[in-house]
Amino acid sequence: MLKKQQPKRIDSRHESRRILVQALFAFSFFEKRPLSVFIDQFLNEFPPVVYDRKLLEQVGQSISPALVETDQLIEKAAPEWPVDQIAKIDLAVLRLSVYEMAIARSIPYKVAIDEAVELAKEFGGETSSKFVNGVLGTIAREQGVIVEDVK
């Protein structure tokens, strides 16, 4: 007898982060436009998904003013990779994760790193997830957080 497969549970926070990464990626080409324009564009142009509107609004409004600080943390953790030389999709993943875990401190480091690695696997290149994991692990250590079992 075949087991009945359970429908995949949709994680609204993960879906929100997917939207934010895509919006941050688009924003990296047109930084003069507000990030909220790109978030709205993704919400309007693509099939509806279950997402966390509060997370989208909160991060969408507060991440842009924090990009200088976010980028400084990234550059300090990966000095051989200036921000302008990091693949834009990897930078989008890093910006979101660094913002959430080190600036806003809205999620635990392990959650931020796990989410970032998954997003890097989905959107990035072959080595993106390892690069993102390494940068975020370094930031976590520099922030005094003990990081174990990082992917």
Protein backbone atom coordinates (compact mmCIF):
# COMPACT_ATOMS: atom_id res chain seq x y z
CA MET A 1 0.00 0.00 0.00
CA LEU A 2 1.35 3.43 -0.95
CA LYS A 3 1.69 6.06 1.70
CA LYS A 4 -0.36 9.13 1.12
CA GLN A 5 1.97 12.09 0.70
CA GLN A 6 1.33 15.04 2.92
CA PRO A 7 0.98 18.34 1.11
CA LYS A 8 4.04 20.53 1.48
CA ARG A 9 3.53 23.02 4.28
CA ILE A 10 4.08 26.57 3.13
CA ASP A 11 6.27 28.62 5.42
CA SER A 12 5.04 32.20 5.07
CA ARG A 13 8.21 33.67 6.61
CA HIS A 14 10.40 31.76 4.16
CA GLU A 15 8.20 32.88 1.26
CA SER A 16 8.52 36.45 2.52
CA ARG A 17 12.30 36.13 2.58
CA ARG A 18 12.23 34.78 -0.98
CA ILE A 19 10.36 37.92 -2.03
CA LEU A 20 12.76 40.14 -0.08
CA VAL A 21 15.84 38.52 -1.66
CA GLN A 22 14.40 39.02 -5.13
CA ALA A 23 13.49 42.62 -4.33
CA LEU A 24 16.96 43.29 -2.89
CA PHE A 25 18.49 41.78 -6.03
CA ALA A 26 16.44 44.10 -8.27
CA PHE A 27 17.17 47.02 -5.93
CA SER A 28 20.93 46.44 -6.36
CA PHE A 29 20.56 47.56 -10.00
CA PHE A 30 18.37 50.60 -9.25
CA GLU A 31 19.33 51.82 -5.76
CA LYS A 32 17.77 55.23 -6.33
CA ARG A 33 14.28 53.67 -6.20
CA PRO A 34 12.79 52.63 -2.85
CA LEU A 35 12.99 48.93 -2.02
CA SER A 36 9.23 48.93 -1.41
CA VAL A 37 8.68 49.51 -5.15
CA PHE A 38 10.38 46.19 -5.92
CA ILE A 39 8.55 44.35 -3.16
CA ASP A 40 5.22 45.60 -4.50
CA GLN A 41 6.26 44.65 -8.02
CA PHE A 42 6.99 41.06 -6.99
CA LEU A 43 3.73 40.82 -5.09
CA ASN A 44 1.74 42.13 -8.06
CA GLU A 45 3.46 40.41 -10.99
CA PHE A 46 3.92 36.88 -9.75
CA PRO A 47 1.44 34.24 -8.64
CA PRO A 48 0.17 34.87 -5.15
CA VAL A 49 1.95 33.04 -2.37
CA VAL A 50 1.35 32.84 1.33
CA TYR A 51 3.61 35.41 2.90
CA ASP A 52 4.02 37.31 6.12
CA ARG A 53 2.95 40.87 5.28
CA LYS A 54 4.24 42.19 8.62
CA LEU A 55 7.72 40.81 7.92
CA LEU A 56 7.71 42.25 4.39
CA GLU A 57 6.64 45.68 5.60
CA GLN A 58 8.97 45.76 8.59
CA VAL A 59 12.09 44.63 6.74
CA GLY A 60 11.15 46.47 3.57
CA GLN A 61 11.00 49.78 5.43
CA SER A 62 13.99 49.36 7.70
CA ILE A 63 16.63 47.51 5.70
CA SER A 64 17.48 50.28 3.21
CA PRO A 65 18.73 52.77 5.83
CA ALA A 66 20.78 49.95 7.38
CA LEU A 67 22.55 48.89 4.17
CA VAL A 68 25.72 50.86 4.91
CA GLU A 69 26.09 49.12 8.28
CA THR A 70 25.08 45.77 6.78
CA ASP A 71 27.63 46.09 3.98
CA GLN A 72 30.35 47.06 6.46
CA LEU A 73 29.74 43.84 8.40
CA ILE A 74 29.86 41.83 5.17
CA GLU A 75 33.11 43.49 4.05
CA LYS A 76 34.70 42.93 7.45
CA ALA A 77 33.75 39.24 7.37
CA ALA A 78 34.94 38.78 3.76
CA PRO A 79 37.72 41.34 3.24
CA GLU A 80 38.91 39.64 0.04
CA TRP A 81 35.44 40.24 -1.46
CA PRO A 82 34.47 43.93 -1.64
CA VAL A 83 30.69 44.34 -1.75
CA ASP A 84 30.80 45.55 -5.37
CA GLN A 85 32.54 42.29 -6.39
CA ILE A 86 30.11 39.90 -4.70
CA ALA A 87 27.53 38.36 -7.04
CA LYS A 88 24.41 40.50 -6.70
CA ILE A 89 22.18 37.58 -5.74
CA ASP A 90 24.64 36.44 -3.05
CA LEU A 91 24.80 40.02 -1.81
CA ALA A 92 21.00 40.18 -1.63
CA VAL A 93 20.92 37.01 0.48
CA LEU A 94 23.71 38.29 2.71
CA ARG A 95 22.14 41.72 3.16
CA LEU A 96 18.84 40.25 4.28
CA SER A 97 20.43 37.73 6.64
CA VAL A 98 22.94 40.13 8.15
CA TYR A 99 20.20 42.69 8.64
CA GLU A 100 17.90 40.21 10.39
CA MET A 101 20.52 38.58 12.60
CA ALA A 102 22.99 41.38 13.39
CA ILE A 103 21.24 44.71 12.86
CA ALA A 104 17.58 44.16 13.74
CA ARG A 105 18.39 41.06 15.80
CA SER A 106 14.93 39.82 14.92
CA ILE A 107 15.82 36.14 14.48
CA PRO A 108 18.41 33.82 16.01
CA TYR A 109 21.71 33.48 14.16
CA LYS A 110 21.20 29.80 13.43
CA VAL A 111 17.80 30.47 11.85
CA ALA A 112 19.24 33.33 9.77
CA ILE A 113 22.14 31.20 8.56
CA ASP A 114 19.93 28.20 7.75
CA GLU A 115 17.50 30.41 5.82
CA ALA A 116 20.32 32.16 3.97
CA VAL A 117 21.95 28.90 2.94
CA GLU A 118 18.63 27.62 1.59
CA LEU A 119 18.02 30.86 -0.32
CA ALA A 120 21.57 30.80 -1.71
CA LYS A 121 21.03 27.22 -2.91
CA GLU A 122 17.79 28.24 -4.57
CA PHE A 123 18.87 31.48 -6.22
CA GLY A 124 22.67 31.48 -6.30
CA GLY A 125 25.40 29.70 -8.14
CA GLU A 126 27.17 26.45 -7.38
CA THR A 127 29.31 27.88 -4.55
CA SER A 128 26.89 30.51 -3.27
CA SER A 129 25.65 28.54 -0.28
CA LYS A 130 29.19 27.85 0.96
CA PHE A 131 30.20 31.48 0.51
CA VAL A 132 27.09 32.78 2.29
CA ASN A 133 27.53 30.24 5.09
CA GLY A 134 31.16 31.25 5.59
CA VAL A 135 30.46 34.98 5.69
CA LEU A 136 27.52 34.60 8.08
CA GLY A 137 29.46 32.18 10.29
CA THR A 138 32.27 34.73 10.54
CA ILE A 139 29.84 37.50 11.44
CA ALA A 140 28.20 35.29 14.06
CA ARG A 141 31.59 34.53 15.62
CA GLU A 142 32.56 38.22 15.54
CA GLN A 143 29.28 39.07 17.26
CA GLY A 144 30.19 36.62 20.04
CA VAL A 145 27.65 33.97 19.13
CA ILE A 146 28.73 30.35 19.30
CA VAL A 147 27.89 28.75 15.99
CA GLU A 148 27.65 24.98 15.85
CA ASP A 149 26.38 22.62 13.19
CA VAL A 150 26.27 25.30 10.55
CA LYS A 151 25.52 23.78 7.15
